[in-house]
Structure formats: C-alpha cells, structure tokens
Amino acid sequence: MQTIKKLLAFALICSLCFPFLACGSNDEDKPINPEKFVWNGDWNDPNDPNYYGGYYNPIEGDWQRLDNPNMRFIYNKDFSSSRAIYNTLTAKWEIEPIAIKYIINNTAFYERLSYIQYKIEIENDIEYLSERYLGEEWRKSKRYKE
C-alpha cells in the first residue's frame, strides 16, 4: 500500500509540472534586433553594389572606452582591429589582435562573425564612437590621445 501511495504522489507531482513546460518564454523566436538591422554592404569592395568609390574607414584610430578607461579599441588603416588593456602592474598597454580584417559601411562593421552597429558623434569638439552588437546596449568611446 505504501508503494502505491508513493507512486500516486510521484505521478501527481509529475503531472503538475508538465503544464508549466508550455508556459516557457519564446525569446528565441524574437528577432535579434527589434529595429530590423539590414547590412548595407562593404563600402570598400569594388564588387559590392554599395561601393564607396575609395577608402572608407571612419572608425580608423584609437578609441578609449568611457565606461572602462583601461580599455581601448584600435581600428587600423588595413582594416585590422586590436584591443589594448592597461596593465596596472607594469603600467603599460598590452595590445591583442581582435580581427585580421573587418569590413565597414556607413552604419556598421563586421568582424569575427559579428555585425557591430556604430555611429560617430562630436560633442564639445570631442569625437565619440558609439557601438553595439545587435540587440545590445550602445557602448561609448572617445578618441584616445596620449
């Protein structure tokens, strides 16, 4: 009789859990970016219909994160990118590569399998670079000057 009670209790508990499985979130069905990001091509590729007609790389340079002054992102003329982290023990910037080549247009760039939206703003004569991975918050950097 004890065994039957335990089995019935187990069956009751299991049957109560199953309805909650259907109440899960459908977040994976939502688009990554509610603003419906559309890639606008590689503006430096002559074979791309959106070709700029010359060298286009407005993010070229050294950018220091505002939320973490010990981190910089460096975008080079050859379209490679690096990250610099300030080592407080050695008092030196340690630079590590991010991407061998990124591609860019007027609204985003693409590196290491990710699209990153960007915008450049000038406030009080200071140039800022805001960037975000699709669906994330904007992160702001300013031009780094030693």
N, C-alpha and C. Protein backbone atom coordinates (compact mmCIF):
# COMPACT_ATOMS: atom_id res chain seq x y z
N MET A 1 0.82 -1.20 0.00
CA MET A 1 0.00 0.00 0.00
C MET A 1 0.87 1.28 0.00
N GLN A 2 1.99 1.22 0.76
CA GLN A 2 2.91 2.35 0.79
C GLN A 2 3.47 2.65 -0.60
N THR A 3 3.77 1.59 -1.34
CA THR A 3 4.34 1.75 -2.67
C THR A 3 3.35 2.42 -3.61
N ILE A 4 2.09 2.06 -3.51
CA ILE A 4 1.06 2.65 -4.37
C ILE A 4 0.90 4.14 -4.03
N LYS A 5 0.91 4.50 -2.75
CA LYS A 5 0.79 5.90 -2.35
C LYS A 5 1.97 6.72 -2.89
N LYS A 6 3.17 6.14 -2.81
CA LYS A 6 4.35 6.85 -3.32
C LYS A 6 4.26 7.04 -4.83
N LEU A 7 3.80 6.00 -5.54
CA LEU A 7 3.65 6.11 -6.99
C LEU A 7 2.61 7.15 -7.37
N LEU A 8 1.48 7.16 -6.64
CA LEU A 8 0.44 8.15 -6.91
C LEU A 8 0.94 9.57 -6.62
N ALA A 9 1.67 9.73 -5.52
CA ALA A 9 2.21 11.05 -5.19
C ALA A 9 3.21 11.50 -6.26
N PHE A 10 4.06 10.58 -6.70
CA PHE A 10 5.02 10.89 -7.76
C PHE A 10 4.31 11.27 -9.05
N ALA A 11 3.28 10.51 -9.42
CA ALA A 11 2.52 10.79 -10.64
C ALA A 11 1.83 12.14 -10.54
N LEU A 12 1.29 12.47 -9.38
CA LEU A 12 0.62 13.75 -9.19
C LEU A 12 1.61 14.91 -9.33
N ILE A 13 2.76 14.78 -8.72
CA ILE A 13 3.78 15.84 -8.81
C ILE A 13 4.24 16.02 -10.25
N CYS A 14 4.48 14.91 -10.95
CA CYS A 14 4.91 14.99 -12.35
C CYS A 14 3.84 15.61 -13.23
N SER A 15 2.60 15.26 -12.99
CA SER A 15 1.53 15.80 -13.83
C SER A 15 1.33 17.29 -13.59
N LEU A 16 1.67 17.78 -12.41
CA LEU A 16 1.57 19.22 -12.14
C LEU A 16 2.70 20.00 -12.81
N CYS A 17 3.83 19.35 -13.05
CA CYS A 17 4.98 20.03 -13.67
C CYS A 17 4.80 20.21 -15.17
N PHE A 18 4.14 19.28 -15.85
CA PHE A 18 4.05 19.33 -17.30
C PHE A 18 3.35 20.57 -17.83
N PRO A 19 2.28 21.06 -17.22
CA PRO A 19 1.65 22.27 -17.78
C PRO A 19 2.59 23.47 -17.81
N PHE A 20 3.55 23.54 -16.86
CA PHE A 20 4.45 24.68 -16.82
C PHE A 20 5.48 24.66 -17.94
N LEU A 21 5.72 23.51 -18.52
CA LEU A 21 6.64 23.44 -19.65
C LEU A 21 6.12 24.23 -20.84
N ALA A 22 4.82 24.31 -20.99
CA ALA A 22 4.21 25.04 -22.10
C ALA A 22 4.20 26.55 -21.84
N CYS A 23 4.52 26.97 -20.63
CA CYS A 23 4.49 28.38 -20.29
C CYS A 23 5.83 29.06 -20.48
N GLY A 24 6.77 28.42 -21.12
CA GLY A 24 8.11 28.97 -21.32
C GLY A 24 8.09 30.19 -22.22
N SER A 25 9.18 30.90 -22.19
CA SER A 25 9.33 32.10 -23.00
C SER A 25 9.66 31.73 -24.44
N ASN A 26 9.23 32.58 -25.35
CA ASN A 26 9.53 32.38 -26.77
C ASN A 26 10.58 33.39 -27.22
N ASP A 27 11.51 33.76 -26.32
CA ASP A 27 12.51 34.77 -26.64
C ASP A 27 13.36 34.38 -27.84
N GLU A 28 13.61 33.07 -28.03
CA GLU A 28 14.45 32.69 -29.15
C GLU A 28 13.77 32.91 -30.49
N ASP A 29 12.46 33.11 -30.49
CA ASP A 29 11.74 33.38 -31.73
C ASP A 29 11.77 34.85 -32.13
N LYS A 30 12.12 35.73 -31.17
CA LYS A 30 12.15 37.16 -31.45
C LYS A 30 13.37 37.50 -32.29
N PRO A 31 13.28 38.51 -33.14
CA PRO A 31 14.45 38.91 -33.91
C PRO A 31 15.55 39.42 -32.98
N ILE A 32 16.79 39.31 -33.41
CA ILE A 32 17.92 39.74 -32.61
C ILE A 32 17.82 41.24 -32.32
N ASN A 33 17.41 41.99 -33.30
CA ASN A 33 17.33 43.44 -33.14
C ASN A 33 15.95 43.91 -33.56
N PRO A 34 15.19 44.47 -32.64
CA PRO A 34 13.84 44.92 -33.00
C PRO A 34 13.82 46.02 -34.05
N GLU A 35 14.95 46.71 -34.25
CA GLU A 35 15.00 47.76 -35.26
C GLU A 35 15.24 47.21 -36.67
N LYS A 36 15.28 45.90 -36.80
CA LYS A 36 15.43 45.23 -38.10
C LYS A 36 16.67 45.71 -38.84
N PHE A 37 17.81 45.42 -38.27
CA PHE A 37 19.09 45.78 -38.86
C PHE A 37 19.23 45.16 -40.25
N VAL A 38 19.69 45.96 -41.19
CA VAL A 38 19.96 45.48 -42.55
C VAL A 38 21.40 45.87 -42.90
N TRP A 39 22.20 44.88 -43.26
CA TRP A 39 23.59 45.13 -43.65
C TRP A 39 23.61 45.91 -44.95
N ASN A 40 24.40 46.96 -44.99
CA ASN A 40 24.44 47.87 -46.13
C ASN A 40 25.66 47.63 -47.02
N GLY A 41 26.25 46.46 -46.96
CA GLY A 41 27.36 46.12 -47.85
C GLY A 41 28.71 46.59 -47.37
N ASP A 42 29.74 46.15 -48.07
CA ASP A 42 31.12 46.53 -47.79
C ASP A 42 31.47 47.71 -48.70
N TRP A 43 31.58 48.89 -48.14
CA TRP A 43 31.79 50.09 -48.93
C TRP A 43 33.20 50.17 -49.52
N ASN A 44 34.09 49.27 -49.16
CA ASN A 44 35.45 49.27 -49.70
C ASN A 44 35.66 48.18 -50.75
N ASP A 45 34.63 47.45 -51.08
CA ASP A 45 34.72 46.36 -52.06
C ASP A 45 34.17 46.82 -53.40
N PRO A 46 35.02 46.93 -54.43
CA PRO A 46 34.53 47.38 -55.74
C PRO A 46 33.45 46.48 -56.33
N ASN A 47 33.36 45.25 -55.87
CA ASN A 47 32.33 44.33 -56.36
C ASN A 47 31.00 44.48 -55.64
N ASP A 48 30.97 45.26 -54.57
CA ASP A 48 29.74 45.47 -53.81
C ASP A 48 28.93 46.58 -54.47
N PRO A 49 27.61 46.41 -54.61
CA PRO A 49 26.80 47.47 -55.23
C PRO A 49 26.82 48.79 -54.47
N ASN A 50 27.18 48.76 -53.18
CA ASN A 50 27.24 49.98 -52.37
C ASN A 50 28.65 50.54 -52.25
N TYR A 51 29.54 50.16 -53.16
CA TYR A 51 30.94 50.58 -53.12
C TYR A 51 31.03 52.10 -52.99
N TYR A 52 31.86 52.56 -52.05
CA TYR A 52 32.01 53.98 -51.75
C TYR A 52 32.79 54.72 -52.83
N GLY A 53 33.65 54.03 -53.52
CA GLY A 53 34.44 54.67 -54.57
C GLY A 53 35.83 55.05 -54.12
N GLY A 54 36.25 54.54 -53.00
CA GLY A 54 37.58 54.83 -52.48
C GLY A 54 37.70 54.27 -51.09
N TYR A 55 38.66 54.79 -50.35
CA TYR A 55 38.91 54.33 -48.99
C TYR A 55 37.84 54.87 -48.04
N TYR A 56 37.17 53.97 -47.31
CA TYR A 56 36.14 54.38 -46.35
C TYR A 56 36.40 53.67 -45.03
N ASN A 57 36.79 54.42 -44.01
CA ASN A 57 37.07 53.83 -42.71
C ASN A 57 36.96 54.89 -41.62
N PRO A 58 35.75 55.39 -41.33
CA PRO A 58 35.61 56.49 -40.37
C PRO A 58 35.97 56.11 -38.94
N ILE A 59 36.02 54.82 -38.62
CA ILE A 59 36.36 54.43 -37.24
C ILE A 59 37.87 54.24 -37.06
N GLU A 60 38.64 54.44 -38.12
CA GLU A 60 40.09 54.26 -38.02
C GLU A 60 40.64 55.11 -36.88
N GLY A 61 41.46 54.49 -36.05
CA GLY A 61 42.08 55.22 -34.95
C GLY A 61 41.99 54.45 -33.66
N ASP A 62 42.29 55.15 -32.59
CA ASP A 62 42.39 54.58 -31.25
C ASP A 62 41.26 55.16 -30.40
N TRP A 63 40.43 54.29 -29.83
CA TRP A 63 39.25 54.72 -29.09
C TRP A 63 39.29 54.16 -27.67
N GLN A 64 39.11 55.03 -26.69
CA GLN A 64 39.13 54.63 -25.28
C GLN A 64 37.71 54.56 -24.75
N ARG A 65 37.38 53.43 -24.14
CA ARG A 65 36.02 53.24 -23.60
C ARG A 65 35.77 54.20 -22.45
N LEU A 66 34.60 54.80 -22.43
CA LEU A 66 34.25 55.72 -21.35
C LEU A 66 33.90 54.96 -20.07
N ASP A 67 33.28 53.79 -20.21
CA ASP A 67 32.90 53.02 -19.03
C ASP A 67 34.06 52.21 -18.45
N ASN A 68 35.17 52.14 -19.17
CA ASN A 68 36.36 51.42 -18.71
C ASN A 68 37.60 52.08 -19.32
N PRO A 69 38.14 53.11 -18.69
CA PRO A 69 39.28 53.83 -19.26
C PRO A 69 40.53 52.97 -19.45
N ASN A 70 40.57 51.79 -18.86
CA ASN A 70 41.71 50.89 -19.03
C ASN A 70 41.56 49.99 -20.25
N MET A 71 40.60 50.30 -21.12
CA MET A 71 40.40 49.52 -22.34
C MET A 71 40.29 50.45 -23.54
N ARG A 72 41.02 50.09 -24.59
CA ARG A 72 40.95 50.84 -25.84
C ARG A 72 40.73 49.86 -26.99
N PHE A 73 40.09 50.35 -28.04
CA PHE A 73 39.93 49.59 -29.27
C PHE A 73 40.63 50.35 -30.38
N ILE A 74 41.43 49.63 -31.16
CA ILE A 74 42.24 50.26 -32.19
C ILE A 74 41.83 49.68 -33.55
N TYR A 75 41.39 50.58 -34.45
CA TYR A 75 40.98 50.18 -35.80
C TYR A 75 42.00 50.77 -36.76
N ASN A 76 42.65 49.90 -37.52
CA ASN A 76 43.80 50.30 -38.34
C ASN A 76 43.43 50.57 -39.79
N LYS A 77 44.35 51.24 -40.49
CA LYS A 77 44.17 51.58 -41.90
C LYS A 77 43.99 50.34 -42.77
N ASP A 78 44.60 49.22 -42.37
CA ASP A 78 44.48 47.97 -43.13
C ASP A 78 43.23 47.16 -42.74
N PHE A 79 42.34 47.77 -41.95
CA PHE A 79 41.08 47.17 -41.51
C PHE A 79 41.28 46.03 -40.51
N SER A 80 42.42 45.98 -39.85
CA SER A 80 42.60 45.04 -38.74
C SER A 80 42.19 45.78 -37.47
N SER A 81 41.86 45.02 -36.43
CA SER A 81 41.47 45.66 -35.18
C SER A 81 42.16 44.97 -34.01
N SER A 82 42.37 45.75 -32.94
CA SER A 82 43.04 45.26 -31.74
C SER A 82 42.35 45.85 -30.52
N ARG A 83 42.62 45.19 -29.39
CA ARG A 83 42.15 45.71 -28.11
C ARG A 83 43.38 45.94 -27.25
N ALA A 84 43.42 47.07 -26.57
CA ALA A 84 44.51 47.39 -25.66
C ALA A 84 43.95 47.44 -24.24
N ILE A 85 44.60 46.71 -23.35
CA ILE A 85 44.21 46.68 -21.94
C ILE A 85 45.39 47.25 -21.14
N TYR A 86 45.08 48.19 -20.24
CA TYR A 86 46.15 48.78 -19.43
C TYR A 86 46.47 47.86 -18.27
N ASN A 87 47.73 47.45 -18.18
CA ASN A 87 48.18 46.59 -17.09
C ASN A 87 48.69 47.49 -15.98
N THR A 88 47.98 47.53 -14.87
CA THR A 88 48.35 48.42 -13.77
C THR A 88 49.65 47.99 -13.08
N LEU A 89 50.00 46.71 -13.18
CA LEU A 89 51.24 46.23 -12.55
C LEU A 89 52.47 46.70 -13.31
N THR A 90 52.39 46.68 -14.64
CA THR A 90 53.54 47.09 -15.46
C THR A 90 53.42 48.53 -15.95
N ALA A 91 52.25 49.13 -15.75
CA ALA A 91 51.97 50.50 -16.22
C ALA A 91 52.16 50.62 -17.73
N LYS A 92 51.75 49.55 -18.46
CA LYS A 92 51.86 49.55 -19.92
C LYS A 92 50.56 49.04 -20.53
N TRP A 93 50.32 49.46 -21.77
CA TRP A 93 49.18 48.96 -22.53
C TRP A 93 49.58 47.64 -23.19
N GLU A 94 48.78 46.61 -23.00
CA GLU A 94 49.01 45.32 -23.65
C GLU A 94 48.01 45.19 -24.79
N ILE A 95 48.52 45.01 -25.99
CA ILE A 95 47.67 45.00 -27.19
C ILE A 95 47.53 43.58 -27.71
N GLU A 96 46.28 43.21 -27.97
CA GLU A 96 46.00 41.88 -28.53
C GLU A 96 45.09 42.05 -29.75
N PRO A 97 45.33 41.28 -30.80
CA PRO A 97 44.51 41.40 -32.01
C PRO A 97 43.08 40.91 -31.78
N ILE A 98 42.14 41.55 -32.45
CA ILE A 98 40.75 41.10 -32.44
C ILE A 98 40.41 40.47 -33.77
N ALA A 99 40.64 41.21 -34.85
CA ALA A 99 40.29 40.70 -36.18
C ALA A 99 41.39 41.06 -37.17
N ILE A 100 41.65 40.15 -38.07
CA ILE A 100 42.63 40.39 -39.13
C ILE A 100 42.08 41.41 -40.12
N LYS A 101 40.78 41.34 -40.38
CA LYS A 101 40.16 42.28 -41.31
C LYS A 101 38.69 42.45 -40.96
N TYR A 102 38.27 43.70 -40.86
CA TYR A 102 36.85 43.99 -40.71
C TYR A 102 36.39 44.69 -41.98
N ILE A 103 35.09 44.58 -42.24
CA ILE A 103 34.50 45.29 -43.38
C ILE A 103 33.52 46.31 -42.82
N ILE A 104 33.32 47.40 -43.55
CA ILE A 104 32.59 48.53 -42.96
C ILE A 104 31.74 49.24 -44.01
N ASN A 105 30.66 49.85 -43.52
CA ASN A 105 29.86 50.77 -44.33
C ASN A 105 29.46 51.94 -43.44
N ASN A 106 28.43 52.66 -43.81
CA ASN A 106 28.07 53.87 -43.08
C ASN A 106 27.34 53.63 -41.76
N THR A 107 26.90 52.40 -41.48
CA THR A 107 26.15 52.16 -40.25
C THR A 107 26.72 51.04 -39.39
N ALA A 108 27.55 50.18 -39.95
CA ALA A 108 28.03 49.03 -39.19
C ALA A 108 29.35 48.51 -39.76
N PHE A 109 30.01 47.71 -38.94
CA PHE A 109 31.16 46.97 -39.45
C PHE A 109 31.03 45.53 -38.99
N TYR A 110 31.77 44.66 -39.65
CA TYR A 110 31.65 43.23 -39.42
C TYR A 110 33.02 42.67 -39.12
N GLU A 111 33.15 42.06 -37.93
CA GLU A 111 34.42 41.42 -37.57
C GLU A 111 34.13 40.19 -36.73
N ARG A 112 34.91 39.18 -36.92
CA ARG A 112 34.81 37.94 -36.14
C ARG A 112 33.39 37.41 -36.03
N LEU A 113 32.71 37.29 -37.11
CA LEU A 113 31.38 36.70 -37.17
C LEU A 113 30.29 37.53 -36.51
N SER A 114 30.51 38.81 -36.29
CA SER A 114 29.50 39.66 -35.66
C SER A 114 29.36 40.98 -36.39
N TYR A 115 28.12 41.43 -36.53
CA TYR A 115 27.86 42.78 -37.01
C TYR A 115 27.87 43.71 -35.81
N ILE A 116 28.50 44.84 -35.95
CA ILE A 116 28.54 45.83 -34.89
C ILE A 116 28.08 47.16 -35.48
N GLN A 117 26.96 47.67 -34.97
CA GLN A 117 26.49 48.97 -35.43
C GLN A 117 27.35 50.05 -34.79
N TYR A 118 27.54 51.15 -35.50
CA TYR A 118 28.32 52.24 -34.93
C TYR A 118 27.75 53.57 -35.38
N LYS A 119 28.09 54.58 -34.63
CA LYS A 119 27.80 55.96 -35.03
C LYS A 119 28.88 56.84 -34.42
N ILE A 120 29.24 57.86 -35.15
CA ILE A 120 30.26 58.80 -34.68
C ILE A 120 29.57 60.13 -34.42
N GLU A 121 29.85 60.68 -33.24
CA GLU A 121 29.23 61.94 -32.83
C GLU A 121 30.32 62.87 -32.33
N ILE A 122 30.10 64.15 -32.52
CA ILE A 122 31.03 65.16 -31.99
C ILE A 122 30.26 66.02 -31.01
N GLU A 123 30.78 66.06 -29.78
CA GLU A 123 30.17 66.86 -28.72
C GLU A 123 31.27 67.70 -28.08
N ASN A 124 31.08 69.00 -28.05
CA ASN A 124 32.07 69.92 -27.46
C ASN A 124 33.46 69.67 -28.04
N ASP A 125 33.54 69.53 -29.34
CA ASP A 125 34.80 69.31 -30.07
C ASP A 125 35.50 67.99 -29.72
N ILE A 126 34.80 67.06 -29.10
CA ILE A 126 35.35 65.73 -28.80
C ILE A 126 34.62 64.71 -29.66
N GLU A 127 35.39 63.87 -30.33
CA GLU A 127 34.81 62.86 -31.22
C GLU A 127 34.56 61.57 -30.42
N TYR A 128 33.33 61.07 -30.52
CA TYR A 128 32.93 59.85 -29.82
C TYR A 128 32.51 58.79 -30.82
N LEU A 129 32.82 57.55 -30.48
CA LEU A 129 32.38 56.40 -31.25
C LEU A 129 31.46 55.59 -30.36
N SER A 130 30.21 55.43 -30.78
CA SER A 130 29.27 54.56 -30.07
C SER A 130 29.10 53.31 -30.91
N GLU A 131 29.13 52.16 -30.26
CA GLU A 131 28.99 50.90 -30.99
C GLU A 131 28.20 49.91 -30.15
N ARG A 132 27.54 49.00 -30.86
CA ARG A 132 26.80 47.95 -30.16
C ARG A 132 26.67 46.73 -31.06
N TYR A 133 26.76 45.58 -30.41
CA TYR A 133 26.42 44.34 -31.10
C TYR A 133 24.91 44.34 -31.24
N LEU A 134 24.39 43.66 -32.22
CA LEU A 134 22.95 43.67 -32.46
C LEU A 134 22.19 43.26 -31.21
N GLY A 135 21.24 44.08 -30.82
CA GLY A 135 20.39 43.78 -29.69
C GLY A 135 20.96 44.17 -28.34
N GLU A 136 22.16 44.71 -28.29
CA GLU A 136 22.76 45.10 -27.02
C GLU A 136 22.72 46.61 -26.86
N GLU A 137 23.15 47.06 -25.70
CA GLU A 137 23.19 48.49 -25.42
C GLU A 137 24.38 49.14 -26.13
N TRP A 138 24.26 50.43 -26.39
CA TRP A 138 25.36 51.18 -27.00
C TRP A 138 26.49 51.34 -25.99
N ARG A 139 27.73 51.23 -26.45
CA ARG A 139 28.92 51.49 -25.65
C ARG A 139 29.66 52.65 -26.29
N LYS A 140 30.10 53.57 -25.47
CA LYS A 140 30.66 54.81 -26.00
C LYS A 140 32.16 54.90 -25.69
N SER A 141 32.91 55.36 -26.70
CA SER A 141 34.35 55.57 -26.57
C SER A 141 34.69 56.95 -27.11
N LYS A 142 35.83 57.46 -26.72
CA LYS A 142 36.31 58.72 -27.29
C LYS A 142 37.69 58.49 -27.87
N ARG A 143 38.06 59.35 -28.81
CA ARG A 143 39.39 59.23 -29.43
C ARG A 143 40.45 59.29 -28.34
N TYR A 144 41.37 58.36 -28.40
CA TYR A 144 42.44 58.30 -27.40
C TYR A 144 43.61 59.15 -27.85
N LYS A 145 44.10 59.96 -26.93
CA LYS A 145 45.28 60.78 -27.19
C LYS A 145 46.23 60.58 -26.02
N GLU A 146 47.48 60.25 -26.34
CA GLU A 146 48.48 60.05 -25.27
C GLU A 146 48.98 61.36 -24.74
